[in-house]
Amino acid sequence: MDYDILLDTYIKIEERLEKLDLASLWPGFSKPPYALYTDESMCFDGELMPKPEYFYGNTAIHYDGSMIAIWMLKSEQIDTEEAIDRLTARIVHEMFHVYQVENGESRFPRDLELIAFPLNAELVALANRENDLLGKYTDMMVSDEHITGTLSQKQQCRLDAISILRRISELRSTMRSLSDGATINEWRVETLEGRAEYVGFKALRQLNSDLAIKEIDIYMKNLREATDAMDHRGRGYHSGLLLSSLAEMAELNLDTDFASEKTLWELIEEQLSATGESSEYKVILTDGELKEAHVMIDQEQRRRAEVLASFQAKFPIEKPIKASICGYDPMNLQRVGDFLISTSFLMINQDGEQHRLMGEHLIRMKPGDCWEVVALYEAGA
């Protein structure tokens, strides 16, 4: 991608950002500095310059003494005006991460614990049932009655949103117990990433309302696919977006203080309790729901076993080490038993020195531990 395309895209995004009322997306939110970059170049503050070596992915990062949002630009992201609208909304997501961090956000998911989330048929069945409830809510989002309807229609939307949240609360109470609290890290993803997704969605709705409505079905599709793959981080992006929207439609007065230790879901629970009746409903799963969940788990276990076998064939030589993980790409990491598979980058601390492992790597963890590395695997001669 040449300089002219990079600069032209930056200008188009700037034009769209100028149209947005960012403070209406979240109280106090304003545009932070941001950079678009390619493999070799970046456009920052309207100026073209070489890309810093440490820029990686799409995120919020420290640069030149301050936090900025960065986005790696690809040609397929800018092939239509609609695509640039979508790209702008995604950059707003990363900008919101800057705002979160600058305002004391601390509810970060412990990703190495999250990828060790228990494979349990009841938990999967409960997640599927929750997806069905969120699917009903997306139908409400598409209808737009909560925005354009009569007063009575808006009131009914609010009551329906509260009802859905109460039913989700019943499911999540059971999930929390069954998982021995492991759900907290998915809830942290919802808080960190899901809220940023929702702010990005609202930005898209301001830029291109028709496109935003189309995206709702995509969010739901992505949520179901993440559930099928037992991808709890991916699931949290989309469940967090929908829960944020549900809470807004239900007119819950959620605490927006980033210094709060409570996750998005815990804040919703708190408000549901404040609005009245708490439910003691016992969740009963059907044989059909459990059968479907067992099939999903069997498929995922086979997939993981195949991935592990493939990596063990590529990297057959074991090298025992004493190290700990100190950095990673959470989107490209999976755990199979005591083995950790990285397909992007991983940072380990060995004898006080940090080493970056780029590309595909297979490592073995201390049994039951999420941080301590006991072996690296290398390719054969």
Protein backbone atom coordinates (compact mmCIF):
# COMPACT_ATOMS: atom_id res chain seq x y z
CA MET A 1 0.00 0.00 0.00
CA ASP A 2 1.55 3.31 -1.06
CA TYR A 3 1.78 6.59 0.85
CA ASP A 4 -1.01 8.25 -1.14
CA ILE A 5 -3.56 5.57 -0.23
CA LEU A 6 -2.52 5.67 3.44
CA LEU A 7 -2.85 9.45 3.63
CA ASP A 8 -6.10 9.49 1.63
CA THR A 9 -7.63 6.92 3.99
CA TYR A 10 -6.53 8.91 7.02
CA ILE A 11 -8.24 12.00 5.60
CA LYS A 12 -11.47 10.07 4.92
CA ILE A 13 -11.48 8.71 8.46
CA GLU A 14 -10.83 12.19 9.87
CA GLU A 15 -13.84 13.48 7.95
CA ARG A 16 -16.01 10.78 9.49
CA LEU A 17 -14.65 11.31 12.99
CA GLU A 18 -15.50 15.00 12.74
CA LYS A 19 -19.15 14.05 12.18
CA LEU A 20 -19.34 11.99 15.37
CA ASP A 21 -20.65 13.23 18.69
CA LEU A 22 -18.20 11.18 20.76
CA ALA A 23 -19.44 12.48 24.11
CA SER A 24 -22.88 11.03 23.31
CA LEU A 25 -21.28 7.61 22.89
CA TRP A 26 -19.88 7.70 26.43
CA PRO A 27 -19.81 10.56 28.96
CA GLY A 28 -16.61 12.58 28.54
CA PHE A 29 -15.27 10.55 25.61
CA SER A 30 -13.23 12.57 23.12
CA LYS A 31 -10.91 11.79 20.25
CA PRO A 32 -7.40 10.71 21.28
CA PRO A 33 -4.41 10.68 18.90
CA TYR A 34 -4.36 7.72 16.54
CA ALA A 35 -2.21 6.22 13.80
CA LEU A 36 -2.98 4.22 10.70
CA TYR A 37 -0.06 2.05 9.67
CA THR A 38 1.11 -0.57 7.20
CA ASP A 39 4.10 -2.92 7.26
CA GLU A 40 6.51 -0.04 6.67
CA SER A 41 4.73 3.30 7.09
CA MET A 42 2.28 5.12 9.31
CA CYS A 43 0.14 8.22 9.18
CA PHE A 44 0.04 9.98 12.54
CA ASP A 45 -1.57 13.36 13.08
CA GLY A 46 -1.82 13.73 9.31
CA GLU A 47 1.91 13.17 8.80
CA LEU A 48 3.49 10.24 6.97
CA MET A 49 6.50 8.61 8.62
CA PRO A 50 8.15 5.21 9.14
CA LYS A 51 6.24 2.75 11.30
CA PRO A 52 7.79 2.05 14.73
CA GLU A 53 9.00 -1.53 15.02
CA TYR A 54 6.92 -2.25 18.12
CA PHE A 55 3.55 -1.43 16.52
CA TYR A 56 1.54 -4.64 16.33
CA GLY A 57 -2.13 -5.31 15.70
CA ASN A 58 -5.00 -2.97 16.47
CA THR A 59 -4.89 -1.63 20.00
CA ALA A 60 -4.11 1.22 22.37
CA ILE A 61 -0.41 1.77 22.93
CA HIS A 62 2.12 4.19 24.41
CA TYR A 63 3.77 6.33 21.75
CA ASP A 64 5.86 9.47 22.13
CA GLY A 65 4.84 9.96 25.75
CA SER A 66 1.09 9.41 25.44
CA MET A 67 -1.52 6.75 24.77
CA ILE A 68 -2.70 6.50 21.18
CA ALA A 69 -4.92 4.14 19.17
CA ILE A 70 -3.29 2.26 16.31
CA TRP A 71 -4.79 0.37 13.39
CA MET A 72 -3.01 -1.77 10.80
CA LEU A 73 -4.59 -0.88 7.48
CA LYS A 74 -5.41 -3.53 4.87
CA SER A 75 -6.65 -2.87 1.35
CA GLU A 76 -9.87 -4.87 1.77
CA GLN A 77 -10.89 -2.55 4.63
CA ILE A 78 -11.14 0.48 2.34
CA ASP A 79 -12.54 -0.81 -0.96
CA THR A 80 -15.92 0.96 -0.54
CA GLU A 81 -17.27 3.99 1.30
CA GLU A 82 -19.31 1.61 3.46
CA ALA A 83 -16.14 -0.27 4.36
CA ILE A 84 -14.52 2.98 5.50
CA ASP A 85 -17.56 3.71 7.68
CA ARG A 86 -17.08 0.30 9.29
CA LEU A 87 -13.33 0.88 9.65
CA THR A 88 -13.93 4.23 11.35
CA ALA A 89 -16.21 2.55 13.91
CA ARG A 90 -13.53 -0.05 14.60
CA ILE A 91 -10.95 2.66 15.15
CA VAL A 92 -13.37 4.31 17.60
CA HIS A 93 -13.33 0.98 19.47
CA GLU A 94 -9.54 1.27 19.84
CA MET A 95 -9.84 4.95 20.76
CA PHE A 96 -12.19 3.96 23.55
CA HIS A 97 -9.49 1.65 24.90
CA VAL A 98 -7.25 4.71 25.20
CA TYR A 99 -10.01 6.44 27.16
CA GLN A 100 -10.49 3.39 29.39
CA VAL A 101 -6.80 3.10 30.25
CA GLU A 102 -6.35 6.83 30.82
CA ASN A 103 -9.27 6.77 33.24
CA GLY A 104 -8.04 3.93 35.41
CA GLU A 105 -9.56 0.80 33.86
CA SER A 106 -8.30 -2.27 35.72
CA ARG A 107 -10.83 -5.00 34.87
CA PHE A 108 -8.57 -6.75 32.39
CA PRO A 109 -9.27 -10.42 31.68
CA ARG A 110 -6.68 -12.96 32.73
CA ASP A 111 -6.43 -14.52 29.31
CA LEU A 112 -4.18 -17.41 30.30
CA GLU A 113 -6.85 -18.47 32.79
CA LEU A 114 -9.63 -17.86 30.27
CA ILE A 115 -8.19 -20.27 27.69
CA ALA A 116 -8.20 -22.95 30.41
CA PHE A 117 -11.97 -22.48 30.92
CA PRO A 118 -13.58 -25.82 31.86
CA LEU A 119 -15.15 -27.88 29.06
CA ASN A 120 -18.48 -28.67 30.67
CA ALA A 121 -21.66 -29.65 28.83
CA GLU A 122 -23.93 -27.84 31.26
CA LEU A 123 -21.95 -24.61 30.85
CA VAL A 124 -22.14 -24.90 27.06
CA ALA A 125 -25.88 -25.59 27.17
CA LEU A 126 -26.42 -22.57 29.41
CA ALA A 127 -24.37 -20.39 27.04
CA ASN A 128 -26.48 -21.62 24.12
CA ARG A 129 -29.67 -20.74 25.97
CA GLU A 130 -28.26 -17.31 26.78
CA ASN A 131 -27.46 -16.85 23.08
CA ASP A 132 -31.10 -17.54 22.26
CA LEU A 133 -32.16 -14.80 24.67
CA LEU A 134 -29.65 -12.38 23.18
CA GLY A 135 -30.91 -13.39 19.73
CA LYS A 136 -34.41 -12.29 20.75
CA TYR A 137 -32.94 -9.00 21.84
CA THR A 138 -31.20 -8.44 18.49
CA ASP A 139 -34.63 -8.71 16.87
CA MET A 140 -35.67 -5.80 19.07
CA MET A 141 -32.56 -3.85 18.06
CA VAL A 142 -33.30 -4.35 14.37
CA SER A 143 -36.94 -3.29 14.74
CA ASP A 144 -35.75 0.07 16.15
CA GLU A 145 -39.04 0.54 18.06
CA HIS A 146 -37.06 1.55 21.14
CA ILE A 147 -35.89 4.62 19.19
CA THR A 148 -38.63 5.45 16.69
CA GLY A 149 -41.72 3.85 18.29
CA THR A 150 -44.57 5.39 20.26
CA LEU A 151 -44.22 6.02 23.99
CA SER A 152 -46.08 2.80 24.79
CA GLN A 153 -43.85 0.84 22.39
CA LYS A 154 -40.73 2.29 24.02
CA GLN A 155 -42.07 1.40 27.47
CA GLN A 156 -42.75 -2.16 26.31
CA CYS A 157 -39.22 -2.41 24.90
CA ARG A 158 -37.85 -1.37 28.29
CA LEU A 159 -39.93 -4.00 30.09
CA ASP A 160 -38.91 -6.67 27.57
CA ALA A 161 -35.23 -5.74 28.01
CA ILE A 162 -35.50 -6.05 31.79
CA SER A 163 -37.24 -9.43 31.40
CA ILE A 164 -34.45 -10.73 29.15
CA LEU A 165 -31.79 -9.53 31.58
CA ARG A 166 -33.55 -11.28 34.47
CA ARG A 167 -33.62 -14.55 32.56
CA ILE A 168 -29.94 -14.15 31.68
CA SER A 169 -29.26 -13.49 35.37
CA GLU A 170 -30.80 -16.85 36.25
CA LEU A 171 -28.52 -18.57 33.75
CA ARG A 172 -25.40 -16.70 34.81
CA SER A 173 -25.93 -17.42 38.47
CA THR A 174 -25.88 -21.13 37.61
CA MET A 175 -22.88 -20.71 35.30
CA ARG A 176 -20.90 -18.91 37.99
CA SER A 177 -21.45 -21.81 40.41
CA LEU A 178 -20.79 -24.57 37.88
CA SER A 179 -17.56 -22.97 36.65
CA ASP A 180 -16.28 -22.34 40.19
CA GLY A 181 -16.06 -18.64 39.34
CA ALA A 182 -14.23 -19.03 36.02
CA THR A 183 -16.90 -16.93 34.32
CA ILE A 184 -15.36 -13.79 35.85
CA ASN A 185 -12.75 -13.58 33.09
CA GLU A 186 -15.36 -13.73 30.34
CA TRP A 187 -17.22 -10.98 32.18
CA ARG A 188 -14.00 -8.95 32.23
CA VAL A 189 -13.77 -9.33 28.45
CA GLU A 190 -17.34 -8.05 28.22
CA THR A 191 -16.35 -5.08 30.36
CA LEU A 192 -13.18 -4.18 28.49
CA GLU A 193 -13.89 -5.25 24.92
CA GLY A 194 -17.67 -5.54 24.83
CA ARG A 195 -18.15 -1.99 26.00
CA ALA A 196 -15.64 -0.77 23.40
CA GLU A 197 -17.54 -2.76 20.77
CA TYR A 198 -20.76 -1.07 21.84
CA VAL A 199 -19.21 2.39 21.63
CA GLY A 200 -17.96 1.46 18.14
CA PHE A 201 -21.42 0.23 17.18
CA LYS A 202 -23.02 3.48 18.33
CA ALA A 203 -20.43 5.39 16.30
CA LEU A 204 -21.37 3.33 13.24
CA ARG A 205 -25.04 4.03 13.92
CA GLN A 206 -24.28 7.76 13.77
CA LEU A 207 -22.28 7.38 10.55
CA ASN A 208 -24.43 4.88 8.69
CA SER A 209 -27.57 3.64 10.45
CA ASP A 210 -28.48 1.18 7.69
CA LEU A 211 -25.06 -0.47 7.90
CA ALA A 212 -25.28 -0.59 11.71
CA ILE A 213 -28.56 -2.52 11.48
CA LYS A 214 -26.92 -5.02 9.10
CA GLU A 215 -24.05 -5.46 11.56
CA ILE A 216 -26.42 -6.61 14.32
CA ASP A 217 -26.98 -9.96 12.60
CA ILE A 218 -23.21 -10.30 12.18
CA TYR A 219 -22.66 -9.71 15.90
CA MET A 220 -25.14 -12.48 16.70
CA LYS A 221 -23.54 -14.83 14.16
CA ASN A 222 -20.10 -14.14 15.66
CA LEU A 223 -21.43 -14.77 19.16
CA ARG A 224 -22.82 -18.18 18.22
CA GLU A 225 -19.63 -19.13 16.36
CA ALA A 226 -17.48 -18.13 19.33
CA THR A 227 -19.68 -20.25 21.61
CA ASP A 228 -19.38 -23.22 19.23
CA ALA A 229 -15.57 -22.86 19.30
CA MET A 230 -15.47 -22.45 23.11
CA ASP A 231 -13.78 -19.11 22.39
CA HIS A 232 -14.62 -17.24 25.57
CA ARG A 233 -12.67 -14.13 24.67
CA GLY A 234 -14.38 -13.87 21.29
CA ARG A 235 -17.72 -14.50 22.95
CA GLY A 236 -17.19 -11.66 25.41
CA TYR A 237 -16.74 -9.09 22.64
CA HIS A 238 -20.24 -9.72 21.34
CA SER A 239 -22.11 -10.63 24.52
CA GLY A 240 -20.64 -7.50 26.11
CA LEU A 241 -21.90 -5.35 23.24
CA LEU A 242 -25.40 -6.80 23.46
CA LEU A 243 -25.53 -6.62 27.25
CA SER A 244 -24.44 -2.97 27.12
CA SER A 245 -27.24 -2.27 24.66
CA LEU A 246 -29.76 -4.25 26.72
CA ALA A 247 -28.84 -2.32 29.86
CA GLU A 248 -29.31 0.95 27.99
CA MET A 249 -32.71 -0.11 26.64
CA ALA A 250 -33.70 -1.25 30.13
CA GLU A 251 -32.69 2.21 31.38
CA LEU A 252 -30.38 0.78 34.02
CA ASN A 253 -28.23 3.41 35.68
CA LEU A 254 -24.86 1.68 35.41
CA ASP A 255 -21.75 3.07 37.08
CA THR A 256 -19.48 4.47 34.33
CA ASP A 257 -16.48 4.91 36.64
CA PHE A 258 -13.59 2.95 35.13
CA ALA A 259 -12.02 2.66 38.58
CA SER A 260 -14.87 0.36 39.65
CA GLU A 261 -13.82 -3.22 40.34
CA LYS A 262 -17.20 -4.62 39.30
CA THR A 263 -17.58 -6.06 35.81
CA LEU A 264 -20.28 -4.95 33.40
CA TRP A 265 -22.38 -7.97 34.32
CA GLU A 266 -21.96 -7.42 38.06
CA LEU A 267 -23.09 -3.81 37.60
CA ILE A 268 -26.14 -5.03 35.69
CA GLU A 269 -26.90 -7.58 38.43
CA GLU A 270 -26.66 -4.84 41.02
CA GLN A 271 -29.17 -2.68 39.15
CA LEU A 272 -31.54 -5.59 38.55
CA SER A 273 -31.61 -6.22 42.29
CA ALA A 274 -32.34 -2.54 42.89
CA THR A 275 -35.34 -2.60 40.52
CA GLY A 276 -37.20 -5.20 42.56
CA GLU A 277 -37.97 -8.91 42.60
CA SER A 278 -35.02 -11.24 42.65
CA SER A 279 -35.51 -14.67 41.14
CA GLU A 280 -34.89 -17.96 42.91
CA TYR A 281 -35.71 -19.83 39.69
CA LYS A 282 -33.79 -23.08 39.28
CA VAL A 283 -32.47 -23.55 35.76
CA ILE A 284 -33.34 -26.96 34.33
CA LEU A 285 -31.67 -28.01 31.10
CA THR A 286 -33.42 -30.34 28.69
CA ASP A 287 -31.96 -33.61 27.43
CA GLY A 288 -31.85 -32.06 23.96
CA GLU A 289 -29.84 -29.06 25.16
CA LEU A 290 -27.34 -31.30 26.95
CA LYS A 291 -27.03 -33.65 23.97
CA GLU A 292 -26.27 -30.71 21.67
CA ALA A 293 -23.69 -29.41 24.16
CA HIS A 294 -21.95 -32.80 24.36
CA VAL A 295 -21.72 -32.90 20.55
CA MET A 296 -20.18 -29.41 20.54
CA ILE A 297 -17.62 -30.39 23.18
CA ASP A 298 -16.70 -33.59 21.34
CA GLN A 299 -16.15 -31.62 18.13
CA GLU A 300 -14.01 -29.02 19.91
CA GLN A 301 -11.94 -31.67 21.70
CA ARG A 302 -11.23 -33.39 18.38
CA ARG A 303 -10.28 -30.07 16.79
CA ARG A 304 -7.90 -29.24 19.63
CA ALA A 305 -6.35 -32.70 19.51
CA GLU A 306 -5.76 -32.32 15.76
CA VAL A 307 -4.15 -28.90 16.22
CA LEU A 308 -1.89 -30.23 18.98
CA ALA A 309 -0.88 -33.26 16.90
CA SER A 310 -0.04 -30.96 14.00
CA PHE A 311 2.19 -28.78 16.18
CA GLN A 312 3.85 -31.78 17.81
CA ALA A 313 4.71 -33.05 14.33
CA LYS A 314 6.17 -29.65 13.38
CA PHE A 315 8.07 -29.23 16.65
CA PRO A 316 9.18 -32.67 17.87
CA ILE A 317 12.27 -31.67 19.87
CA GLU A 318 11.64 -30.84 23.53
CA LYS A 319 13.87 -28.27 25.23
CA PRO A 320 13.30 -28.09 29.01
CA ILE A 321 13.45 -24.54 30.39
CA LYS A 322 12.44 -22.52 33.42
CA ALA A 323 10.56 -19.44 32.29
CA SER A 324 7.32 -17.54 32.68
CA ILE A 325 4.99 -15.91 30.19
CA CYS A 326 5.11 -12.11 30.29
CA GLY A 327 3.33 -11.16 27.06
CA TYR A 328 1.12 -12.67 24.37
CA ASP A 329 -1.42 -12.07 21.63
CA PRO A 330 -4.70 -13.17 23.25
CA MET A 331 -6.43 -13.59 19.89
CA ASN A 332 -3.98 -16.26 18.71
CA LEU A 333 -3.42 -18.46 21.71
CA GLN A 334 -4.97 -21.75 22.79
CA ARG A 335 -4.33 -24.32 25.47
CA VAL A 336 -4.71 -28.07 25.07
CA GLY A 337 -4.08 -29.87 28.34
CA ASP A 338 -0.70 -28.60 29.55
CA PHE A 339 0.36 -27.48 26.07
CA LEU A 340 0.15 -23.87 24.93
CA ILE A 341 -0.05 -23.13 21.20
CA SER A 342 0.82 -19.65 19.94
CA THR A 343 0.40 -18.62 16.30
CA SER A 344 1.32 -14.94 16.57
CA PHE A 345 3.71 -13.81 19.29
CA LEU A 346 4.59 -14.78 22.82
CA MET A 347 6.95 -13.16 25.33
CA ILE A 348 8.71 -15.25 27.96
CA ASN A 349 10.92 -14.22 30.85
CA GLN A 350 13.90 -16.52 31.28
CA ASP A 351 16.54 -15.74 33.90
CA GLY A 352 15.47 -12.11 33.99
CA GLU A 353 15.65 -11.64 30.21
CA GLN A 354 12.64 -11.25 27.96
CA HIS A 355 12.48 -13.21 24.71
CA ARG A 356 9.92 -12.67 21.95
CA LEU A 357 8.72 -15.80 20.16
CA MET A 358 7.20 -14.82 16.84
CA GLY A 359 5.06 -17.04 14.62
CA GLU A 360 4.08 -20.59 15.49
CA HIS A 361 5.31 -22.02 18.79
CA LEU A 362 4.50 -24.98 21.01
CA ILE A 363 5.33 -24.82 24.70
CA ARG A 364 4.48 -26.94 27.72
CA MET A 365 3.22 -25.40 30.92
CA LYS A 366 3.64 -26.56 34.48
CA PRO A 367 0.56 -28.73 35.18
CA GLY A 368 -2.26 -26.65 36.58
CA ASP A 369 -0.32 -23.39 36.15
CA CYS A 370 -1.19 -20.56 33.77
CA TRP A 371 2.18 -18.76 33.67
CA GLU A 372 5.10 -21.10 34.31
CA VAL A 373 6.78 -22.65 31.25
CA VAL A 374 8.65 -25.94 31.61
CA ALA A 375 9.50 -26.75 27.97
CA LEU A 376 9.80 -25.25 24.49
CA TYR A 377 9.52 -27.40 21.37
CA GLU A 378 11.69 -26.93 18.31
CA ALA A 379 11.52 -28.11 14.71
CA GLY A 380 13.57 -31.10 13.68
CA ALA A 381 16.61 -30.91 11.44
